[in-house]
Amino acid sequence: MRTSTNQQTRPHTGNHRRLGGDRYRDQVMSMVTQKGFTAADSTYQQDMHEASDLLLDGQGCALRIRAEKALDRWPDEFTIRAVRPGCTDTEFQKIMDGHARYALYGFADSTDKIVLLRLLDLNVFRTCILGKPQQYDRDMRWGTDGVGYLVFNIREFPETLVSAVWDYRH
């Protein structure tokens, strides 16, 4: 049986920005290992410079968990941060540069239980974006903090974008 491993403990420094993925780490690790994947913590370098919050089967994997209200409104959408004040290498740029093989994108309920999680194949994502840039061109969705997100819908991509699904909504 494949199990979760802790590759390297991340240093807790003022420069280490974690916006919520760590809160769901144990749940995610349990979910993916139950489906036969190996899961490990990423290093600080992988986290900050390669858009990889964890390693899935030894490859970089981004992680984003959104609130239940987002699930109610946009169940098939996923967002990728493309602009952040004071930052030149955002998640979108890191992904397009070839970092992170996968993304785990999901939603948690009001008790912080993950109710929907999708494993996205970022090679499929990159191929689509680079192959047909006009089809995937879009306006930025801006937060009040000056952060800009690109919003995509899984239905705009080939079915192979979604490699696995954990759906506990029923």
N, C-alpha and C. Protein backbone atom coordinates (compact mmCIF):
# COMPACT_ATOMS: atom_id res chain seq x y z
N MET A 1 0.84 -1.19 0.00
CA MET A 1 0.00 0.00 0.00
C MET A 1 0.88 1.24 0.00
N ARG A 2 0.52 2.20 -0.84
CA ARG A 2 1.28 3.44 -0.90
C ARG A 2 0.89 4.32 0.27
N THR A 3 1.84 5.05 0.79
CA THR A 3 1.57 5.87 1.95
C THR A 3 2.12 7.27 1.77
N SER A 4 1.68 8.15 2.62
CA SER A 4 2.17 9.52 2.62
C SER A 4 3.52 9.57 3.33
N THR A 5 4.43 10.34 2.79
CA THR A 5 5.72 10.52 3.44
C THR A 5 6.01 11.99 3.61
N ASN A 6 6.78 12.32 4.61
CA ASN A 6 7.17 13.69 4.85
C ASN A 6 8.60 13.86 4.35
N GLN A 7 8.74 14.43 3.13
CA GLN A 7 10.05 14.54 2.51
C GLN A 7 10.97 15.48 3.28
N GLN A 8 10.48 16.64 3.62
CA GLN A 8 11.30 17.61 4.32
C GLN A 8 10.37 18.58 5.02
N THR A 9 10.65 18.86 6.26
CA THR A 9 9.84 19.82 6.98
C THR A 9 10.11 21.21 6.44
N ARG A 10 9.05 21.93 6.16
CA ARG A 10 9.20 23.28 5.65
C ARG A 10 9.57 24.21 6.79
N PRO A 11 10.51 25.11 6.56
CA PRO A 11 10.83 26.09 7.60
C PRO A 11 9.68 27.07 7.76
N HIS A 12 9.42 27.47 8.96
CA HIS A 12 8.38 28.45 9.20
C HIS A 12 9.05 29.80 9.38
N THR A 13 9.08 30.57 8.29
CA THR A 13 9.69 31.88 8.33
C THR A 13 8.66 32.91 7.93
N GLY A 14 8.96 34.15 8.14
CA GLY A 14 8.07 35.23 7.74
C GLY A 14 7.87 35.28 6.24
N ASN A 15 8.80 34.74 5.47
CA ASN A 15 8.69 34.75 4.03
C ASN A 15 7.86 33.60 3.49
N HIS A 16 7.48 32.68 4.33
CA HIS A 16 6.77 31.50 3.87
C HIS A 16 5.27 31.76 3.94
N ARG A 17 4.69 32.18 2.82
CA ARG A 17 3.27 32.49 2.74
C ARG A 17 2.47 31.24 2.44
N ARG A 18 1.64 30.84 3.35
CA ARG A 18 0.73 29.73 3.12
C ARG A 18 -0.67 30.28 3.33
N LEU A 19 -1.52 30.13 2.34
CA LEU A 19 -2.84 30.74 2.41
C LEU A 19 -3.96 29.75 2.71
N GLY A 20 -3.65 28.58 3.15
CA GLY A 20 -4.73 27.67 3.52
C GLY A 20 -4.50 26.23 3.14
N GLY A 21 -3.61 25.97 2.20
CA GLY A 21 -3.37 24.59 1.80
C GLY A 21 -2.93 23.72 2.95
N ASP A 22 -2.10 24.24 3.84
CA ASP A 22 -1.62 23.45 4.98
C ASP A 22 -2.76 23.02 5.89
N ARG A 23 -3.80 23.82 5.97
CA ARG A 23 -4.95 23.50 6.81
C ARG A 23 -5.61 22.21 6.34
N TYR A 24 -5.51 21.91 5.04
CA TYR A 24 -6.15 20.75 4.46
C TYR A 24 -5.17 19.63 4.14
N ARG A 25 -3.90 19.82 4.47
CA ARG A 25 -2.85 18.88 4.09
C ARG A 25 -3.17 17.44 4.47
N ASP A 26 -3.49 17.20 5.73
CA ASP A 26 -3.72 15.83 6.19
C ASP A 26 -4.89 15.17 5.46
N GLN A 27 -5.97 15.93 5.27
CA GLN A 27 -7.12 15.39 4.54
C GLN A 27 -6.74 15.01 3.11
N VAL A 28 -6.03 15.92 2.45
CA VAL A 28 -5.63 15.69 1.06
C VAL A 28 -4.71 14.48 0.97
N MET A 29 -3.72 14.42 1.85
CA MET A 29 -2.79 13.30 1.85
C MET A 29 -3.54 11.97 2.02
N SER A 30 -4.50 11.94 2.92
CA SER A 30 -5.29 10.73 3.14
C SER A 30 -6.11 10.37 1.90
N MET A 31 -6.74 11.36 1.31
CA MET A 31 -7.60 11.12 0.15
C MET A 31 -6.80 10.56 -1.03
N VAL A 32 -5.66 11.18 -1.34
CA VAL A 32 -4.91 10.75 -2.52
C VAL A 32 -4.24 9.39 -2.29
N THR A 33 -3.77 9.13 -1.08
CA THR A 33 -3.13 7.84 -0.84
C THR A 33 -4.16 6.71 -0.86
N GLN A 34 -5.39 6.98 -0.47
CA GLN A 34 -6.45 5.97 -0.54
C GLN A 34 -6.77 5.57 -1.98
N LYS A 35 -6.45 6.44 -2.93
CA LYS A 35 -6.65 6.12 -4.36
C LYS A 35 -5.37 5.56 -4.99
N GLY A 36 -4.34 5.31 -4.18
CA GLY A 36 -3.15 4.66 -4.70
C GLY A 36 -2.00 5.57 -5.09
N PHE A 37 -2.15 6.86 -4.90
CA PHE A 37 -1.05 7.78 -5.18
C PHE A 37 -0.09 7.82 -4.01
N THR A 38 1.17 8.14 -4.27
CA THR A 38 2.07 8.47 -3.18
C THR A 38 2.03 9.97 -3.01
N ALA A 39 2.13 10.43 -1.79
CA ALA A 39 2.07 11.86 -1.51
C ALA A 39 3.14 12.22 -0.50
N ALA A 40 3.78 13.35 -0.72
CA ALA A 40 4.83 13.84 0.18
C ALA A 40 4.78 15.35 0.21
N ASP A 41 5.30 15.92 1.27
CA ASP A 41 5.42 17.36 1.36
C ASP A 41 6.46 17.85 0.35
N SER A 42 6.21 19.00 -0.22
CA SER A 42 7.22 19.63 -1.08
C SER A 42 8.23 20.34 -0.20
N THR A 43 9.36 20.67 -0.79
CA THR A 43 10.35 21.47 -0.06
C THR A 43 9.92 22.94 -0.13
N TYR A 44 10.54 23.75 0.66
CA TYR A 44 10.27 25.19 0.63
C TYR A 44 10.54 25.74 -0.77
N GLN A 45 11.63 25.32 -1.39
CA GLN A 45 11.99 25.76 -2.74
C GLN A 45 10.89 25.38 -3.75
N GLN A 46 10.43 24.15 -3.69
CA GLN A 46 9.37 23.69 -4.59
C GLN A 46 8.08 24.47 -4.37
N ASP A 47 7.77 24.72 -3.12
CA ASP A 47 6.56 25.45 -2.77
C ASP A 47 6.61 26.87 -3.31
N MET A 48 7.68 27.58 -3.03
CA MET A 48 7.75 29.00 -3.36
C MET A 48 8.12 29.29 -4.81
N HIS A 49 8.84 28.40 -5.47
CA HIS A 49 9.35 28.71 -6.81
C HIS A 49 8.85 27.78 -7.91
N GLU A 50 8.14 26.72 -7.55
CA GLU A 50 7.70 25.77 -8.56
C GLU A 50 6.21 25.46 -8.50
N ALA A 51 5.45 26.28 -7.79
CA ALA A 51 4.00 26.10 -7.69
C ALA A 51 3.62 24.71 -7.20
N SER A 52 4.44 24.14 -6.33
CA SER A 52 4.21 22.77 -5.86
C SER A 52 4.05 22.76 -4.34
N ASP A 53 2.82 22.63 -3.91
CA ASP A 53 2.52 22.56 -2.48
C ASP A 53 2.82 21.20 -1.90
N LEU A 54 2.80 20.18 -2.76
CA LEU A 54 3.13 18.83 -2.34
C LEU A 54 3.63 18.06 -3.55
N LEU A 55 4.08 16.85 -3.31
CA LEU A 55 4.52 15.97 -4.40
C LEU A 55 3.53 14.83 -4.50
N LEU A 56 3.10 14.54 -5.70
CA LEU A 56 2.18 13.46 -5.97
C LEU A 56 2.87 12.50 -6.93
N ASP A 57 3.07 11.27 -6.47
CA ASP A 57 3.85 10.30 -7.24
C ASP A 57 5.20 10.89 -7.66
N GLY A 58 5.79 11.67 -6.75
CA GLY A 58 7.12 12.24 -6.97
C GLY A 58 7.16 13.48 -7.83
N GLN A 59 6.00 13.97 -8.27
CA GLN A 59 5.97 15.14 -9.14
C GLN A 59 5.23 16.29 -8.45
N GLY A 60 5.64 17.52 -8.80
CA GLY A 60 5.05 18.70 -8.19
C GLY A 60 3.55 18.79 -8.38
N CYS A 61 2.88 19.24 -7.33
CA CYS A 61 1.42 19.35 -7.35
C CYS A 61 0.98 20.60 -6.60
N ALA A 62 0.28 21.48 -7.30
CA ALA A 62 -0.31 22.65 -6.66
C ALA A 62 -1.56 22.21 -5.89
N LEU A 63 -1.94 22.99 -4.88
CA LEU A 63 -3.11 22.65 -4.07
C LEU A 63 -3.89 23.93 -3.79
N ARG A 64 -5.19 23.88 -4.08
CA ARG A 64 -6.05 25.01 -3.77
C ARG A 64 -7.38 24.47 -3.30
N ILE A 65 -7.80 24.90 -2.12
CA ILE A 65 -9.10 24.52 -1.56
C ILE A 65 -9.89 25.80 -1.34
N ARG A 66 -11.08 25.84 -1.90
CA ARG A 66 -11.94 27.02 -1.77
C ARG A 66 -13.11 26.72 -0.85
N ALA A 67 -13.81 27.78 -0.46
CA ALA A 67 -14.95 27.67 0.45
C ALA A 67 -16.18 27.10 -0.26
N GLU A 68 -17.08 26.57 0.55
CA GLU A 68 -18.30 25.95 0.04
C GLU A 68 -19.14 26.92 -0.80
N LYS A 69 -19.13 28.20 -0.44
CA LYS A 69 -19.93 29.15 -1.21
C LYS A 69 -19.44 29.24 -2.65
N ALA A 70 -18.14 29.05 -2.87
CA ALA A 70 -17.61 29.02 -4.24
C ALA A 70 -18.09 27.77 -4.97
N LEU A 71 -18.19 26.66 -4.26
CA LEU A 71 -18.70 25.42 -4.85
C LEU A 71 -20.14 25.60 -5.30
N ASP A 72 -20.94 26.27 -4.48
CA ASP A 72 -22.34 26.50 -4.83
C ASP A 72 -22.49 27.34 -6.09
N ARG A 73 -21.60 28.31 -6.26
CA ARG A 73 -21.70 29.23 -7.40
C ARG A 73 -20.93 28.77 -8.63
N TRP A 74 -19.76 28.18 -8.43
CA TRP A 74 -18.87 27.85 -9.55
C TRP A 74 -18.28 26.45 -9.40
N PRO A 75 -19.08 25.40 -9.41
CA PRO A 75 -18.57 24.05 -9.14
C PRO A 75 -17.56 23.53 -10.16
N ASP A 76 -17.63 24.02 -11.39
CA ASP A 76 -16.73 23.51 -12.42
C ASP A 76 -15.61 24.48 -12.79
N GLU A 77 -15.49 25.56 -12.03
CA GLU A 77 -14.44 26.53 -12.31
C GLU A 77 -13.22 26.28 -11.43
N PHE A 78 -12.07 26.67 -11.97
CA PHE A 78 -10.87 26.71 -11.17
C PHE A 78 -10.14 28.00 -11.50
N THR A 79 -9.50 28.57 -10.49
CA THR A 79 -8.80 29.83 -10.66
C THR A 79 -7.31 29.62 -10.43
N ILE A 80 -6.53 30.42 -11.14
CA ILE A 80 -5.08 30.40 -10.95
C ILE A 80 -4.63 31.85 -10.80
N ARG A 81 -3.90 32.12 -9.73
CA ARG A 81 -3.43 33.47 -9.48
C ARG A 81 -2.43 33.87 -10.57
N ALA A 82 -2.72 35.01 -11.22
CA ALA A 82 -1.87 35.46 -12.32
C ALA A 82 -1.20 36.80 -12.05
N VAL A 83 -1.71 37.55 -11.08
CA VAL A 83 -1.11 38.84 -10.70
C VAL A 83 -1.17 38.95 -9.19
N ARG A 84 -0.06 39.31 -8.60
CA ARG A 84 -0.02 39.59 -7.16
C ARG A 84 0.90 40.78 -6.96
N PRO A 85 0.42 41.83 -6.29
CA PRO A 85 1.26 43.01 -6.09
C PRO A 85 2.62 42.64 -5.49
N GLY A 86 3.68 43.16 -6.10
CA GLY A 86 5.03 42.93 -5.60
C GLY A 86 5.61 41.57 -5.97
N CYS A 87 4.95 40.84 -6.83
CA CYS A 87 5.40 39.49 -7.18
C CYS A 87 5.48 39.36 -8.70
N THR A 88 6.58 38.82 -9.19
CA THR A 88 6.73 38.66 -10.63
C THR A 88 6.45 37.24 -11.09
N ASP A 89 6.65 36.27 -10.22
CA ASP A 89 6.43 34.88 -10.63
C ASP A 89 5.23 34.29 -9.89
N THR A 90 4.07 34.44 -10.49
CA THR A 90 2.83 33.95 -9.89
C THR A 90 2.62 32.48 -10.25
N GLU A 91 1.59 31.88 -9.68
CA GLU A 91 1.29 30.48 -9.96
C GLU A 91 1.10 30.23 -11.45
N PHE A 92 0.38 31.13 -12.12
CA PHE A 92 0.14 30.93 -13.54
C PHE A 92 1.47 30.90 -14.31
N GLN A 93 2.35 31.83 -14.01
CA GLN A 93 3.63 31.87 -14.72
C GLN A 93 4.46 30.63 -14.42
N LYS A 94 4.47 30.20 -13.16
CA LYS A 94 5.23 29.00 -12.79
C LYS A 94 4.68 27.77 -13.52
N ILE A 95 3.36 27.67 -13.58
CA ILE A 95 2.75 26.53 -14.26
C ILE A 95 3.07 26.57 -15.75
N MET A 96 2.95 27.75 -16.36
CA MET A 96 3.23 27.86 -17.79
C MET A 96 4.71 27.65 -18.10
N ASP A 97 5.58 27.89 -17.13
CA ASP A 97 7.01 27.64 -17.30
C ASP A 97 7.34 26.15 -17.17
N GLY A 98 6.34 25.33 -16.88
CA GLY A 98 6.55 23.88 -16.83
C GLY A 98 6.67 23.30 -15.43
N HIS A 99 6.53 24.13 -14.41
CA HIS A 99 6.57 23.62 -13.04
C HIS A 99 5.22 23.02 -12.66
N ALA A 100 5.23 22.15 -11.72
CA ALA A 100 4.03 21.45 -11.22
C ALA A 100 3.39 20.62 -12.32
N ARG A 101 3.36 19.35 -12.10
CA ARG A 101 2.77 18.40 -13.05
C ARG A 101 1.26 18.31 -12.86
N TYR A 102 0.83 18.49 -11.61
CA TYR A 102 -0.58 18.34 -11.27
C TYR A 102 -1.05 19.53 -10.43
N ALA A 103 -2.38 19.63 -10.32
CA ALA A 103 -3.01 20.54 -9.37
C ALA A 103 -4.17 19.80 -8.74
N LEU A 104 -4.26 19.89 -7.43
CA LEU A 104 -5.43 19.40 -6.72
C LEU A 104 -6.27 20.63 -6.40
N TYR A 105 -7.48 20.64 -6.91
CA TYR A 105 -8.35 21.82 -6.76
C TYR A 105 -9.66 21.34 -6.18
N GLY A 106 -10.04 21.95 -5.05
CA GLY A 106 -11.24 21.46 -4.40
C GLY A 106 -11.98 22.49 -3.60
N PHE A 107 -12.97 22.00 -2.89
CA PHE A 107 -13.86 22.84 -2.10
C PHE A 107 -14.12 22.17 -0.75
N ALA A 108 -14.18 22.98 0.30
CA ALA A 108 -14.46 22.46 1.64
C ALA A 108 -15.75 23.08 2.17
N ASP A 109 -16.43 22.32 3.01
CA ASP A 109 -17.67 22.82 3.60
C ASP A 109 -17.37 23.70 4.80
N SER A 110 -18.41 24.13 5.49
CA SER A 110 -18.25 25.06 6.61
C SER A 110 -17.52 24.44 7.80
N THR A 111 -17.38 23.10 7.81
CA THR A 111 -16.64 22.44 8.89
C THR A 111 -15.21 22.09 8.46
N ASP A 112 -14.79 22.62 7.30
CA ASP A 112 -13.47 22.39 6.72
C ASP A 112 -13.27 20.97 6.21
N LYS A 113 -14.34 20.24 5.98
CA LYS A 113 -14.24 18.92 5.36
C LYS A 113 -14.27 19.11 3.85
N ILE A 114 -13.29 18.53 3.17
CA ILE A 114 -13.25 18.62 1.71
C ILE A 114 -14.40 17.79 1.14
N VAL A 115 -15.23 18.44 0.33
CA VAL A 115 -16.40 17.76 -0.23
C VAL A 115 -16.25 17.48 -1.72
N LEU A 116 -15.34 18.17 -2.38
CA LEU A 116 -15.06 17.91 -3.79
C LEU A 116 -13.60 18.25 -4.05
N LEU A 117 -12.90 17.31 -4.68
CA LEU A 117 -11.49 17.51 -5.00
C LEU A 117 -11.24 16.90 -6.38
N ARG A 118 -10.59 17.67 -7.23
CA ARG A 118 -10.25 17.18 -8.57
C ARG A 118 -8.74 17.24 -8.75
N LEU A 119 -8.21 16.21 -9.38
CA LEU A 119 -6.80 16.19 -9.76
C LEU A 119 -6.72 16.62 -11.22
N LEU A 120 -6.08 17.76 -11.45
CA LEU A 120 -5.95 18.30 -12.79
C LEU A 120 -4.56 17.99 -13.34
N ASP A 121 -4.52 17.56 -14.58
CA ASP A 121 -3.26 17.27 -15.27
C ASP A 121 -2.78 18.57 -15.92
N LEU A 122 -1.76 19.18 -15.34
CA LEU A 122 -1.30 20.46 -15.84
C LEU A 122 -0.59 20.36 -17.18
N ASN A 123 -0.16 19.17 -17.58
CA ASN A 123 0.38 19.03 -18.94
C ASN A 123 -0.73 19.23 -19.97
N VAL A 124 -1.91 18.72 -19.69
CA VAL A 124 -3.06 18.93 -20.57
C VAL A 124 -3.40 20.42 -20.60
N PHE A 125 -3.43 21.04 -19.44
CA PHE A 125 -3.73 22.48 -19.33
C PHE A 125 -2.74 23.30 -20.16
N ARG A 126 -1.44 23.06 -19.96
CA ARG A 126 -0.42 23.81 -20.70
C ARG A 126 -0.54 23.60 -22.21
N THR A 127 -0.75 22.37 -22.63
CA THR A 127 -0.88 22.08 -24.05
C THR A 127 -2.05 22.86 -24.66
N CYS A 128 -3.16 22.92 -23.97
CA CYS A 128 -4.32 23.66 -24.46
C CYS A 128 -4.03 25.16 -24.53
N ILE A 129 -3.49 25.71 -23.47
CA ILE A 129 -3.24 27.15 -23.41
C ILE A 129 -2.23 27.55 -24.48
N LEU A 130 -1.17 26.79 -24.61
CA LEU A 130 -0.12 27.13 -25.59
C LEU A 130 -0.57 26.82 -27.02
N GLY A 131 -1.38 25.80 -27.19
CA GLY A 131 -1.80 25.39 -28.53
C GLY A 131 -2.89 26.27 -29.13
N LYS A 132 -3.77 26.79 -28.28
CA LYS A 132 -4.87 27.63 -28.76
C LYS A 132 -5.05 28.82 -27.83
N PRO A 133 -4.06 29.72 -27.80
CA PRO A 133 -4.12 30.83 -26.83
C PRO A 133 -5.37 31.71 -26.97
N GLN A 134 -5.89 31.89 -28.19
CA GLN A 134 -7.08 32.73 -28.37
C GLN A 134 -8.30 32.10 -27.70
N GLN A 135 -8.38 30.78 -27.76
CA GLN A 135 -9.53 30.09 -27.17
C GLN A 135 -9.56 30.25 -25.66
N TYR A 136 -8.39 30.35 -25.05
CA TYR A 136 -8.32 30.40 -23.59
C TYR A 136 -7.99 31.79 -23.07
N ASP A 137 -7.97 32.78 -23.94
CA ASP A 137 -7.72 34.16 -23.53
C ASP A 137 -8.93 34.65 -22.73
N ARG A 138 -8.70 35.36 -21.67
CA ARG A 138 -9.80 35.82 -20.82
C ARG A 138 -9.41 37.03 -20.00
N ASP A 139 -10.39 37.68 -19.46
CA ASP A 139 -10.15 38.81 -18.58
C ASP A 139 -9.81 38.31 -17.18
N MET A 140 -9.12 39.14 -16.47
CA MET A 140 -8.71 38.83 -15.10
C MET A 140 -9.88 39.11 -14.14
N ARG A 141 -10.02 38.26 -13.13
CA ARG A 141 -10.96 38.52 -12.03
C ARG A 141 -10.11 39.08 -10.89
N TRP A 142 -10.46 40.27 -10.43
CA TRP A 142 -9.63 40.97 -9.44
C TRP A 142 -10.22 40.89 -8.04
N GLY A 143 -9.36 40.65 -7.06
CA GLY A 143 -9.75 40.70 -5.66
C GLY A 143 -9.54 42.09 -5.11
N THR A 144 -10.12 42.37 -3.97
CA THR A 144 -9.97 43.69 -3.35
C THR A 144 -8.54 43.95 -2.89
N ASP A 145 -7.74 42.90 -2.80
CA ASP A 145 -6.35 43.04 -2.36
C ASP A 145 -5.39 43.26 -3.53
N GLY A 146 -5.93 43.45 -4.74
CA GLY A 146 -5.08 43.68 -5.90
C GLY A 146 -4.58 42.41 -6.57
N VAL A 147 -5.03 41.25 -6.10
CA VAL A 147 -4.62 39.98 -6.68
C VAL A 147 -5.56 39.67 -7.85
N GLY A 148 -4.96 39.26 -8.97
CA GLY A 148 -5.73 38.93 -10.15
C GLY A 148 -5.71 37.44 -10.43
N TYR A 149 -6.87 36.89 -10.75
CA TYR A 149 -7.00 35.46 -11.03
C TYR A 149 -7.54 35.26 -12.43
N LEU A 150 -7.01 34.25 -13.10
CA LEU A 150 -7.59 33.78 -14.35
C LEU A 150 -8.56 32.66 -13.99
N VAL A 151 -9.74 32.70 -14.57
CA VAL A 151 -10.79 31.74 -14.24
C VAL A 151 -11.02 30.84 -15.45
N PHE A 152 -10.98 29.53 -15.20
CA PHE A 152 -11.18 28.53 -16.24
C PHE A 152 -12.30 27.59 -15.81
N ASN A 153 -12.92 26.97 -16.78
CA ASN A 153 -13.95 25.99 -16.52
C ASN A 153 -13.45 24.64 -17.03
N ILE A 154 -13.58 23.61 -16.22
CA ILE A 154 -13.07 22.31 -16.64
C ILE A 154 -13.73 21.83 -17.93
N ARG A 155 -14.93 22.30 -18.21
CA ARG A 155 -15.66 21.87 -19.41
C ARG A 155 -15.07 22.45 -20.71
N GLU A 156 -14.20 23.46 -20.60
CA GLU A 156 -13.56 24.03 -21.80
C GLU A 156 -12.38 23.19 -22.26
N PHE A 157 -11.97 22.23 -21.47
CA PHE A 157 -10.78 21.45 -21.74
C PHE A 157 -11.16 20.01 -22.10
N PRO A 158 -10.22 19.28 -22.70
CA PRO A 158 -10.49 17.85 -22.93
C PRO A 158 -10.75 17.13 -21.60
N GLU A 159 -11.49 16.04 -21.66
CA GLU A 159 -11.80 15.27 -20.45
C GLU A 159 -10.55 14.81 -19.72
N THR A 160 -9.44 14.69 -20.43
CA THR A 160 -8.19 14.23 -19.81
C THR A 160 -7.57 15.25 -18.85
N LEU A 161 -8.13 16.46 -18.81
CA LEU A 161 -7.65 17.45 -17.83
C LEU A 161 -7.85 16.92 -16.41
N VAL A 162 -9.01 16.30 -16.16
CA VAL A 162 -9.34 15.80 -14.83
C VAL A 162 -8.93 14.33 -14.76
N SER A 163 -7.89 14.07 -13.95
CA SER A 163 -7.35 12.70 -13.83
C SER A 163 -8.04 11.87 -12.77
N ALA A 164 -8.58 12.52 -11.76
CA ALA A 164 -9.26 11.82 -10.66
C ALA A 164 -10.21 12.79 -9.97
N VAL A 165 -11.25 12.25 -9.36
CA VAL A 165 -12.23 13.06 -8.65
C VAL A 165 -12.58 12.38 -7.33
N TRP A 166 -12.65 13.17 -6.28
CA TRP A 166 -13.16 12.73 -4.98
C TRP A 166 -14.38 13.59 -4.72
N ASP A 167 -15.56 13.01 -4.77
CA ASP A 167 -16.80 13.77 -4.63
C ASP A 167 -17.60 13.22 -3.45
N TYR A 168 -17.69 14.02 -2.40
CA TYR A 168 -18.39 13.61 -1.17
C TYR A 168 -19.60 14.50 -0.91
N ARG A 169 -20.19 15.06 -1.96
CA ARG A 169 -21.32 15.98 -1.80
C ARG A 169 -22.62 15.26 -1.50
N HIS A 170 -22.71 13.97 -1.72
CA HIS A 170 -24.00 13.27 -1.60
C HIS A 170 -24.19 12.68 -0.25
